[in-house]
Amino acid sequence: MKNHNKVALITGAGQGIGLEIAKLLAEKGHHVIINDIEKSLTEDAVKEVLKTSNAKVLGLSGDSGDLEFIREMVGFAQKEFGNLNVVIANAGITLYGDFWEYDPKDFFEVLRVNMGGTFFLAQAAARVMKNQADGGSLLFTSSVTAHQAHKNLAAYGMSKAAIEMLAKNLVIELSEYKINVNTIAPGATLTKRTAMDKDYEKTWSRITPMGKPASVTDIAHAAVFLVTDEARHITGQNLVIDGGWTSISPSPY
């Protein structure tokens, strides 16, 4: 287990894609810090990851868009482990709304969590990684809506496109410190949340060229690759994981 001294921090990892990423990293030997805004989800996620791994897994519940809490998370990693090798800014919120009537409060909340949370977590983590001999890896979770228009998701899509540009820009800032930074852009994915829509799987199976939505494992395997040593020469890139949907982009409506 060559990663037994590596430490990964993942936001929005109480369920879904973030939780699956945490599982895979722990199985590969990383110690993992799981963050979710909901305390119960954080605690349950820690228990879930520990079922399949002997790694040290800790939970830290809080708002990943809050600047003080971001600093607390990074400080927590340093205190508990002394290093921080992988940071995945996975947390985000989706607030649907018609462009003509979109609430300014919703708009600025989407920007605060999705853009601000990603930017300032990257900043805080990079300040630690730049002083490590082997640098580190940053990964941001974007979305196919950063590439293709989707009804009622103008603010969300804008926020995701912004963090893809952030990853490109940080190549200039971080490469000299051996820090690589990339994004993934998941398409339709089967999670507990999307499963609440009884038509979700049927609809997205019909319009996805590969014939079905992604599983959380499909997304997590791609994410984990981008933060491994095998991908350290990949930086400033975005990987779309959507079964081919963005190539033809049929609307689900």
C-alpha atoms as a PDB file:
ATOM      1  CA  MET A   1       0.000   0.000   0.000  1.00  0.00           C
ATOM      2  CA  LYS A   2       2.294   2.728  -1.280  1.00  0.00           C
ATOM      3  CA  ASN A   3      -0.223   5.426  -0.293  1.00  0.00           C
ATOM      4  CA  HIS A   4      -0.326   4.537   3.404  1.00  0.00           C
ATOM      5  CA  ASN A   5       1.086   7.934   4.460  1.00  0.00           C
ATOM      6  CA  LYS A   6      -0.969   9.999   2.034  1.00  0.00           C
ATOM      7  CA  VAL A   7      -3.876  12.068   3.278  1.00  0.00           C
ATOM      8  CA  ALA A   8      -6.960  13.022   1.267  1.00  0.00           C
ATOM      9  CA  LEU A   9      -9.599  15.601   2.154  1.00  0.00           C
ATOM     10  CA  ILE A  10     -12.921  15.396   0.312  1.00  0.00           C
ATOM     11  CA  THR A  11     -15.776  17.858   0.685  1.00  0.00           C
ATOM     12  CA  GLY A  12     -19.393  16.910   0.042  1.00  0.00           C
ATOM     13  CA  ALA A  13     -18.498  13.283   0.718  1.00  0.00           C
ATOM     14  CA  GLY A  14     -21.385  12.260   2.939  1.00  0.00           C
ATOM     15  CA  GLN A  15     -23.074  10.438   0.087  1.00  0.00           C
ATOM     16  CA  GLY A  16     -23.051   9.893  -3.651  1.00  0.00           C
ATOM     17  CA  ILE A  17     -19.949  10.555  -5.732  1.00  0.00           C
ATOM     18  CA  GLY A  18     -17.929  12.045  -2.869  1.00  0.00           C
ATOM     19  CA  LEU A  19     -18.510   9.027  -0.651  1.00  0.00           C
ATOM     20  CA  GLU A  20     -17.504   6.626  -3.416  1.00  0.00           C
ATOM     21  CA  ILE A  21     -14.308   8.602  -4.008  1.00  0.00           C
ATOM     22  CA  ALA A  22     -13.554   8.380  -0.283  1.00  0.00           C
ATOM     23  CA  LYS A  23     -14.036   4.602  -0.368  1.00  0.00           C
ATOM     24  CA  LEU A  24     -11.706   4.108  -3.316  1.00  0.00           C
ATOM     25  CA  LEU A  25      -8.979   6.327  -1.910  1.00  0.00           C
ATOM     26  CA  ALA A  26      -9.149   4.548   1.442  1.00  0.00           C
ATOM     27  CA  GLU A  27      -8.959   1.173  -0.304  1.00  0.00           C
ATOM     28  CA  LYS A  28      -5.819   2.414  -2.058  1.00  0.00           C
ATOM     29  CA  GLY A  29      -4.264   3.209   1.307  1.00  0.00           C
ATOM     30  CA  HIS A  30      -4.959   6.904   1.760  1.00  0.00           C
ATOM     31  CA  HIS A  31      -6.021   8.249   5.121  1.00  0.00           C
ATOM     32  CA  VAL A  32      -9.244  10.146   4.462  1.00  0.00           C
ATOM     33  CA  ILE A  33     -11.010  13.150   5.935  1.00  0.00           C
ATOM     34  CA  ILE A  34     -14.669  13.207   4.979  1.00  0.00           C
ATOM     35  CA  ASN A  35     -16.610  16.460   5.017  1.00  0.00           C
ATOM     36  CA  ASP A  36     -20.325  17.019   4.641  1.00  0.00           C
ATOM     37  CA  ILE A  37     -22.514  19.843   5.855  1.00  0.00           C
ATOM     38  CA  GLU A  38     -24.855  17.335   7.515  1.00  0.00           C
ATOM     39  CA  LYS A  39     -23.342  15.782  10.628  1.00  0.00           C
ATOM     40  CA  SER A  40     -25.332  12.555  10.368  1.00  0.00           C
ATOM     41  CA  LEU A  41     -24.218  11.995   6.783  1.00  0.00           C
ATOM     42  CA  THR A  42     -20.596  12.656   7.738  1.00  0.00           C
ATOM     43  CA  GLU A  43     -20.733  10.165  10.592  1.00  0.00           C
ATOM     44  CA  ASP A  44     -22.475   7.497   8.508  1.00  0.00           C
ATOM     45  CA  ALA A  45     -19.984   7.985   5.662  1.00  0.00           C
ATOM     46  CA  VAL A  46     -17.029   7.425   7.993  1.00  0.00           C
ATOM     47  CA  LYS A  47     -18.574   4.155   9.186  1.00  0.00           C
ATOM     48  CA  GLU A  48     -19.252   3.105   5.605  1.00  0.00           C
ATOM     49  CA  VAL A  49     -15.673   3.695   4.466  1.00  0.00           C
ATOM     50  CA  LEU A  50     -14.234   1.890   7.480  1.00  0.00           C
ATOM     51  CA  LYS A  51     -16.139  -1.264   6.498  1.00  0.00           C
ATOM     52  CA  THR A  52     -13.835  -1.817   3.530  1.00  0.00           C
ATOM     53  CA  SER A  53     -10.571  -0.209   4.621  1.00  0.00           C
ATOM     54  CA  ASN A  54      -7.946  -0.259   7.346  1.00  0.00           C
ATOM     55  CA  ALA A  55      -7.009   3.356   6.659  1.00  0.00           C
ATOM     56  CA  LYS A  56      -7.585   6.082   9.210  1.00  0.00           C
ATOM     57  CA  VAL A  57     -10.878   7.779   8.335  1.00  0.00           C
ATOM     58  CA  LEU A  58     -12.074  10.917  10.088  1.00  0.00           C
ATOM     59  CA  GLY A  59     -15.160  13.071   9.658  1.00  0.00           C
ATOM     60  CA  LEU A  60     -15.495  16.833   9.892  1.00  0.00           C
ATOM     61  CA  SER A  61     -18.936  18.283   9.421  1.00  0.00           C
ATOM     62  CA  GLY A  62     -19.477  21.875   8.329  1.00  0.00           C
ATOM     63  CA  ASP A  63     -20.164  24.334   5.532  1.00  0.00           C
ATOM     64  CA  SER A  64     -17.471  23.945   2.877  1.00  0.00           C
ATOM     65  CA  GLY A  65     -18.326  27.384   1.502  1.00  0.00           C
ATOM     66  CA  ASP A  66     -17.489  29.112   4.783  1.00  0.00           C
ATOM     67  CA  LEU A  67     -14.011  30.649   4.842  1.00  0.00           C
ATOM     68  CA  GLU A  68     -13.343  29.996   8.509  1.00  0.00           C
ATOM     69  CA  PHE A  69     -14.432  26.387   8.197  1.00  0.00           C
ATOM     70  CA  ILE A  70     -12.237  25.892   5.123  1.00  0.00           C
ATOM     71  CA  ARG A  71      -9.225  26.977   7.165  1.00  0.00           C
ATOM     72  CA  GLU A  72     -10.389  24.708   9.981  1.00  0.00           C
ATOM     73  CA  MET A  73     -10.529  21.680   7.655  1.00  0.00           C
ATOM     74  CA  VAL A  74      -7.018  22.220   6.336  1.00  0.00           C
ATOM     75  CA  GLY A  75      -5.692  22.889   9.840  1.00  0.00           C
ATOM     76  CA  PHE A  76      -7.417  19.729  11.059  1.00  0.00           C
ATOM     77  CA  ALA A  77      -5.620  17.673   8.403  1.00  0.00           C
ATOM     78  CA  GLN A  78      -2.264  19.138   9.402  1.00  0.00           C
ATOM     79  CA  LYS A  79      -2.898  18.562  13.088  1.00  0.00           C
ATOM     80  CA  GLU A  80      -4.059  14.960  12.673  1.00  0.00           C
ATOM     81  CA  PHE A  81      -1.614  13.811  10.006  1.00  0.00           C
ATOM     82  CA  GLY A  82       1.058  16.443   9.460  1.00  0.00           C
ATOM     83  CA  ASN A  83       0.561  16.464   5.698  1.00  0.00           C
ATOM     84  CA  LEU A  84      -2.123  16.906   3.042  1.00  0.00           C
ATOM     85  CA  ASN A  85      -1.615  15.238  -0.325  1.00  0.00           C
ATOM     86  CA  VAL A  86      -4.990  15.185  -2.044  1.00  0.00           C
ATOM     87  CA  VAL A  87      -7.830  17.701  -1.827  1.00  0.00           C
ATOM     88  CA  ILE A  88     -11.063  17.168  -3.725  1.00  0.00           C
ATOM     89  CA  ALA A  89     -13.492  20.094  -3.798  1.00  0.00           C
ATOM     90  CA  ASN A  90     -16.578  18.034  -4.485  1.00  0.00           C
ATOM     91  CA  ALA A  91     -19.210  19.907  -2.480  1.00  0.00           C
ATOM     92  CA  GLY A  92     -21.692  21.984  -4.431  1.00  0.00           C
ATOM     93  CA  ILE A  93     -25.313  23.033  -4.526  1.00  0.00           C
ATOM     94  CA  THR A  94     -27.842  23.041  -7.335  1.00  0.00           C
ATOM     95  CA  LEU A  95     -30.588  25.644  -7.087  1.00  0.00           C
ATOM     96  CA  TYR A  96     -32.899  25.416 -10.079  1.00  0.00           C
ATOM     97  CA  GLY A  97     -34.737  28.484 -11.283  1.00  0.00           C
ATOM     98  CA  ASP A  98     -36.092  30.249 -14.325  1.00  0.00           C
ATOM     99  CA  PHE A  99     -33.642  32.886 -15.616  1.00  0.00           C
ATOM    100  CA  TRP A 100     -36.328  35.602 -15.713  1.00  0.00           C
ATOM    101  CA  GLU A 101     -37.270  35.176 -12.079  1.00  0.00           C
ATOM    102  CA  TYR A 102     -34.089  33.813 -10.497  1.00  0.00           C
ATOM    103  CA  ASP A 103     -33.750  34.908  -6.878  1.00  0.00           C
ATOM    104  CA  PRO A 104     -30.581  36.945  -6.160  1.00  0.00           C
ATOM    105  CA  LYS A 105     -30.220  35.092  -2.847  1.00  0.00           C
ATOM    106  CA  ASP A 106     -30.081  31.782  -4.693  1.00  0.00           C
ATOM    107  CA  PHE A 107     -27.645  33.192  -7.237  1.00  0.00           C
ATOM    108  CA  PHE A 108     -25.128  34.376  -4.660  1.00  0.00           C
ATOM    109  CA  GLU A 109     -25.501  31.202  -2.605  1.00  0.00           C
ATOM    110  CA  VAL A 110     -24.606  29.074  -5.639  1.00  0.00           C
ATOM    111  CA  LEU A 111     -21.558  31.266  -6.233  1.00  0.00           C
ATOM    112  CA  ARG A 112     -20.560  31.217  -2.562  1.00  0.00           C
ATOM    113  CA  VAL A 113     -20.568  27.439  -2.256  1.00  0.00           C
ATOM    114  CA  ASN A 114     -19.580  26.285  -5.729  1.00  0.00           C
ATOM    115  CA  MET A 115     -17.077  28.960  -6.691  1.00  0.00           C
ATOM    116  CA  GLY A 116     -15.992  30.441  -3.366  1.00  0.00           C
ATOM    117  CA  GLY A 117     -15.782  27.085  -1.610  1.00  0.00           C
ATOM    118  CA  THR A 118     -13.649  25.640  -4.393  1.00  0.00           C
ATOM    119  CA  PHE A 119     -11.384  28.680  -4.782  1.00  0.00           C
ATOM    120  CA  PHE A 120     -10.597  29.174  -1.119  1.00  0.00           C
ATOM    121  CA  LEU A 121     -10.215  25.467  -0.359  1.00  0.00           C
ATOM    122  CA  ALA A 122      -7.690  25.270  -3.205  1.00  0.00           C
ATOM    123  CA  GLN A 123      -5.910  28.320  -1.811  1.00  0.00           C
ATOM    124  CA  ALA A 124      -5.726  26.970   1.734  1.00  0.00           C
ATOM    125  CA  ALA A 125      -4.656  23.495   0.613  1.00  0.00           C
ATOM    126  CA  ALA A 126      -2.037  24.807  -1.818  1.00  0.00           C
ATOM    127  CA  ARG A 127      -0.438  26.850   0.956  1.00  0.00           C
ATOM    128  CA  VAL A 128       0.242  23.560   2.727  1.00  0.00           C
ATOM    129  CA  MET A 129       1.190  21.559  -0.367  1.00  0.00           C
ATOM    130  CA  LYS A 130       3.744  24.099  -1.622  1.00  0.00           C
ATOM    131  CA  ASN A 131       5.880  23.350   1.438  1.00  0.00           C
ATOM    132  CA  GLN A 132       5.778  19.585   0.877  1.00  0.00           C
ATOM    133  CA  ALA A 133       8.583  17.978  -1.102  1.00  0.00           C
ATOM    134  CA  ASP A 134       6.136  16.053  -3.291  1.00  0.00           C
ATOM    135  CA  GLY A 135       3.557  18.846  -3.651  1.00  0.00           C
ATOM    136  CA  GLY A 136       0.043  17.471  -3.982  1.00  0.00           C
ATOM    137  CA  SER A 137      -3.039  17.062  -6.127  1.00  0.00           C
ATOM    138  CA  LEU A 138      -6.182  19.183  -6.352  1.00  0.00           C
ATOM    139  CA  LEU A 139      -9.390  18.073  -8.037  1.00  0.00           C
ATOM    140  CA  PHE A 140     -12.603  20.069  -8.544  1.00  0.00           C
ATOM    141  CA  THR A 141     -16.005  18.604  -9.374  1.00  0.00           C
ATOM    142  CA  SER A 142     -17.569  20.426 -12.305  1.00  0.00           C
ATOM    143  CA  SER A 143     -20.555  19.324 -14.406  1.00  0.00           C
ATOM    144  CA  VAL A 144     -21.626  18.749 -17.997  1.00  0.00           C
ATOM    145  CA  THR A 145     -23.752  21.868 -17.509  1.00  0.00           C
ATOM    146  CA  ALA A 146     -20.491  23.808 -17.730  1.00  0.00           C
ATOM    147  CA  HIS A 147     -20.345  22.687 -21.368  1.00  0.00           C
ATOM    148  CA  GLN A 148     -23.941  22.416 -22.546  1.00  0.00           C
ATOM    149  CA  ALA A 149     -26.911  24.629 -21.730  1.00  0.00           C
ATOM    150  CA  HIS A 150     -29.476  23.062 -19.424  1.00  0.00           C
ATOM    151  CA  LYS A 151     -32.848  24.601 -18.698  1.00  0.00           C
ATOM    152  CA  ASN A 152     -33.197  26.347 -15.319  1.00  0.00           C
ATOM    153  CA  LEU A 153     -29.510  25.869 -14.476  1.00  0.00           C
ATOM    154  CA  ALA A 154     -27.927  29.084 -15.772  1.00  0.00           C
ATOM    155  CA  ALA A 155     -26.357  30.068 -12.442  1.00  0.00           C
ATOM    156  CA  TYR A 156     -25.222  26.537 -11.640  1.00  0.00           C
ATOM    157  CA  GLY A 157     -23.701  25.971 -15.087  1.00  0.00           C
ATOM    158  CA  MET A 158     -21.931  29.315 -14.885  1.00  0.00           C
ATOM    159  CA  SER A 159     -20.424  28.401 -11.512  1.00  0.00           C
ATOM    160  CA  LYS A 160     -19.142  25.073 -12.808  1.00  0.00           C
ATOM    161  CA  ALA A 161     -17.613  26.611 -15.926  1.00  0.00           C
ATOM    162  CA  ALA A 162     -15.825  29.046 -13.622  1.00  0.00           C
ATOM    163  CA  ILE A 163     -14.090  26.344 -11.600  1.00  0.00           C
ATOM    164  CA  GLU A 164     -12.868  24.675 -14.790  1.00  0.00           C
ATOM    165  CA  MET A 165     -11.226  27.980 -15.709  1.00  0.00           C
ATOM    166  CA  LEU A 166      -9.845  28.186 -12.177  1.00  0.00           C
ATOM    167  CA  ALA A 167      -8.102  24.826 -12.653  1.00  0.00           C
ATOM    168  CA  LYS A 168      -6.513  26.042 -15.893  1.00  0.00           C
ATOM    169  CA  ASN A 169      -5.364  29.276 -14.297  1.00  0.00           C
ATOM    170  CA  LEU A 170      -3.862  27.544 -11.283  1.00  0.00           C
ATOM    171  CA  VAL A 171      -1.458  25.684 -13.550  1.00  0.00           C
ATOM    172  CA  ILE A 172       0.448  28.981 -13.703  1.00  0.00           C
ATOM    173  CA  GLU A 173       0.416  29.375  -9.935  1.00  0.00           C
ATOM    174  CA  LEU A 174       1.007  25.838  -8.705  1.00  0.00           C
ATOM    175  CA  SER A 175       3.100  23.827 -11.154  1.00  0.00           C
ATOM    176  CA  GLU A 176       6.443  25.004  -9.780  1.00  0.00           C
ATOM    177  CA  TYR A 177       5.428  23.533  -6.425  1.00  0.00           C
ATOM    178  CA  LYS A 178       4.632  20.089  -7.908  1.00  0.00           C
ATOM    179  CA  ILE A 179       0.896  20.614  -7.419  1.00  0.00           C
ATOM    180  CA  ASN A 180      -1.352  19.446 -10.232  1.00  0.00           C
ATOM    181  CA  VAL A 181      -4.965  20.546 -10.550  1.00  0.00           C
ATOM    182  CA  ASN A 182      -7.779  19.148 -12.679  1.00  0.00           C
ATOM    183  CA  THR A 183     -11.551  18.932 -12.885  1.00  0.00           C
ATOM    184  CA  ILE A 184     -14.081  16.226 -13.631  1.00  0.00           C
ATOM    185  CA  ALA A 185     -17.450  16.971 -15.214  1.00  0.00           C
ATOM    186  CA  PRO A 186     -19.970  14.245 -14.420  1.00  0.00           C
ATOM    187  CA  GLY A 187     -23.098  13.859 -16.501  1.00  0.00           C
ATOM    188  CA  ALA A 188     -26.278  12.149 -15.365  1.00  0.00           C
ATOM    189  CA  THR A 189     -25.398   9.904 -12.424  1.00  0.00           C
ATOM    190  CA  LEU A 190     -27.465   7.454 -10.403  1.00  0.00           C
ATOM    191  CA  THR A 191     -27.330   8.443  -6.731  1.00  0.00           C
ATOM    192  CA  LYS A 192     -29.737   8.243  -3.823  1.00  0.00           C
ATOM    193  CA  ARG A 193     -30.783  11.804  -4.616  1.00  0.00           C
ATOM    194  CA  THR A 194     -31.427  11.286  -8.326  1.00  0.00           C
ATOM    195  CA  ALA A 195     -33.170   7.987  -7.554  1.00  0.00           C
ATOM    196  CA  MET A 196     -35.895  10.027  -5.850  1.00  0.00           C
ATOM    197  CA  ASP A 197     -37.044  10.946  -9.360  1.00  0.00           C
ATOM    198  CA  LYS A 198     -38.792   7.779 -10.549  1.00  0.00           C
ATOM    199  CA  ASP A 199     -38.257   8.723 -14.201  1.00  0.00           C
ATOM    200  CA  TYR A 200     -34.578   9.718 -13.902  1.00  0.00           C
ATOM    201  CA  GLU A 201     -32.925   6.457 -14.918  1.00  0.00           C
ATOM    202  CA  LYS A 202     -35.396   5.792 -17.742  1.00  0.00           C
ATOM    203  CA  THR A 203     -35.095   9.323 -19.137  1.00  0.00           C
ATOM    204  CA  TRP A 204     -31.309   9.491 -19.052  1.00  0.00           C
ATOM    205  CA  SER A 205     -30.913   5.943 -20.349  1.00  0.00           C
ATOM    206  CA  ARG A 206     -32.904   6.990 -23.399  1.00  0.00           C
ATOM    207  CA  ILE A 207     -30.823  10.075 -24.205  1.00  0.00           C
ATOM    208  CA  THR A 208     -27.346   8.866 -23.177  1.00  0.00           C
ATOM    209  CA  PRO A 209     -25.428   7.284 -26.089  1.00  0.00           C
ATOM    210  CA  MET A 210     -23.967   4.567 -23.839  1.00  0.00           C
ATOM    211  CA  GLY A 211     -27.514   3.612 -22.879  1.00  0.00           C
ATOM    212  CA  LYS A 212     -27.528   4.412 -19.195  1.00  0.00           C
ATOM    213  CA  PRO A 213     -26.548   7.077 -16.656  1.00  0.00           C
ATOM    214  CA  ALA A 214     -23.237   6.762 -14.849  1.00  0.00           C
ATOM    215  CA  SER A 215     -22.918   5.018 -11.521  1.00  0.00           C
ATOM    216  CA  VAL A 216     -21.090   6.744  -8.686  1.00  0.00           C
ATOM    217  CA  THR A 217     -18.320   4.187  -9.196  1.00  0.00           C
ATOM    218  CA  ASP A 218     -17.915   5.272 -12.831  1.00  0.00           C
ATOM    219  CA  ILE A 219     -17.273   8.835 -11.689  1.00  0.00           C
ATOM    220  CA  ALA A 220     -15.149   7.915  -8.679  1.00  0.00           C
ATOM    221  CA  HIS A 221     -12.697   5.758 -10.660  1.00  0.00           C
ATOM    222  CA  ALA A 222     -11.991   8.669 -13.001  1.00  0.00           C
ATOM    223  CA  ALA A 223     -11.614  11.093 -10.096  1.00  0.00           C
ATOM    224  CA  VAL A 224      -9.238   8.850  -8.188  1.00  0.00           C
ATOM    225  CA  PHE A 225      -7.029   8.333 -11.230  1.00  0.00           C
ATOM    226  CA  LEU A 226      -6.515  12.101 -11.551  1.00  0.00           C
ATOM    227  CA  VAL A 227      -5.170  12.379  -7.988  1.00  0.00           C
ATOM    228  CA  THR A 228      -2.831   9.374  -8.151  1.00  0.00           C
ATOM    229  CA  ASP A 229       0.890   9.462  -8.869  1.00  0.00           C
ATOM    230  CA  GLU A 230       0.183   7.963 -12.293  1.00  0.00           C
ATOM    231  CA  ALA A 231      -1.570  11.207 -13.299  1.00  0.00           C
ATOM    232  CA  ARG A 232       0.838  13.751 -11.851  1.00  0.00           C
ATOM    233  CA  HIS A 233       1.811  15.029 -15.312  1.00  0.00           C
ATOM    234  CA  ILE A 234      -1.841  15.784 -16.074  1.00  0.00           C
ATOM    235  CA  THR A 235      -2.795  19.287 -15.003  1.00  0.00           C
ATOM    236  CA  GLY A 236      -5.183  22.036 -16.053  1.00  0.00           C
ATOM    237  CA  GLN A 237      -7.459  19.479 -17.700  1.00  0.00           C
ATOM    238  CA  ASN A 238     -11.139  18.612 -17.490  1.00  0.00           C
ATOM    239  CA  LEU A 239     -12.482  15.089 -17.894  1.00  0.00           C
ATOM    240  CA  VAL A 240     -16.116  14.760 -18.970  1.00  0.00           C
ATOM    241  CA  ILE A 241     -17.744  11.540 -17.742  1.00  0.00           C
ATOM    242  CA  ASP A 242     -21.183  11.411 -19.304  1.00  0.00           C
ATOM    243  CA  GLY A 243     -21.589   8.337 -21.487  1.00  0.00           C
ATOM    244  CA  GLY A 244     -21.322  10.570 -24.556  1.00  0.00           C
ATOM    245  CA  TRP A 245     -24.215  12.900 -23.715  1.00  0.00           C
ATOM    246  CA  THR A 246     -22.362  16.159 -24.406  1.00  0.00           C
ATOM    247  CA  SER A 247     -21.524  14.940 -27.911  1.00  0.00           C
ATOM    248  CA  ILE A 248     -25.185  15.130 -28.929  1.00  0.00           C
ATOM    249  CA  SER A 249     -26.823  16.860 -25.942  1.00  0.00           C
ATOM    250  CA  PRO A 250     -30.487  15.884 -26.226  1.00  0.00           C
ATOM    251  CA  SER A 251     -32.648  17.603 -23.631  1.00  0.00           C
ATOM    252  CA  PRO A 252     -34.343  15.465 -20.977  1.00  0.00           C
ATOM    253  CA  TYR A 253     -37.416  17.657 -21.233  1.00  0.00           C
END
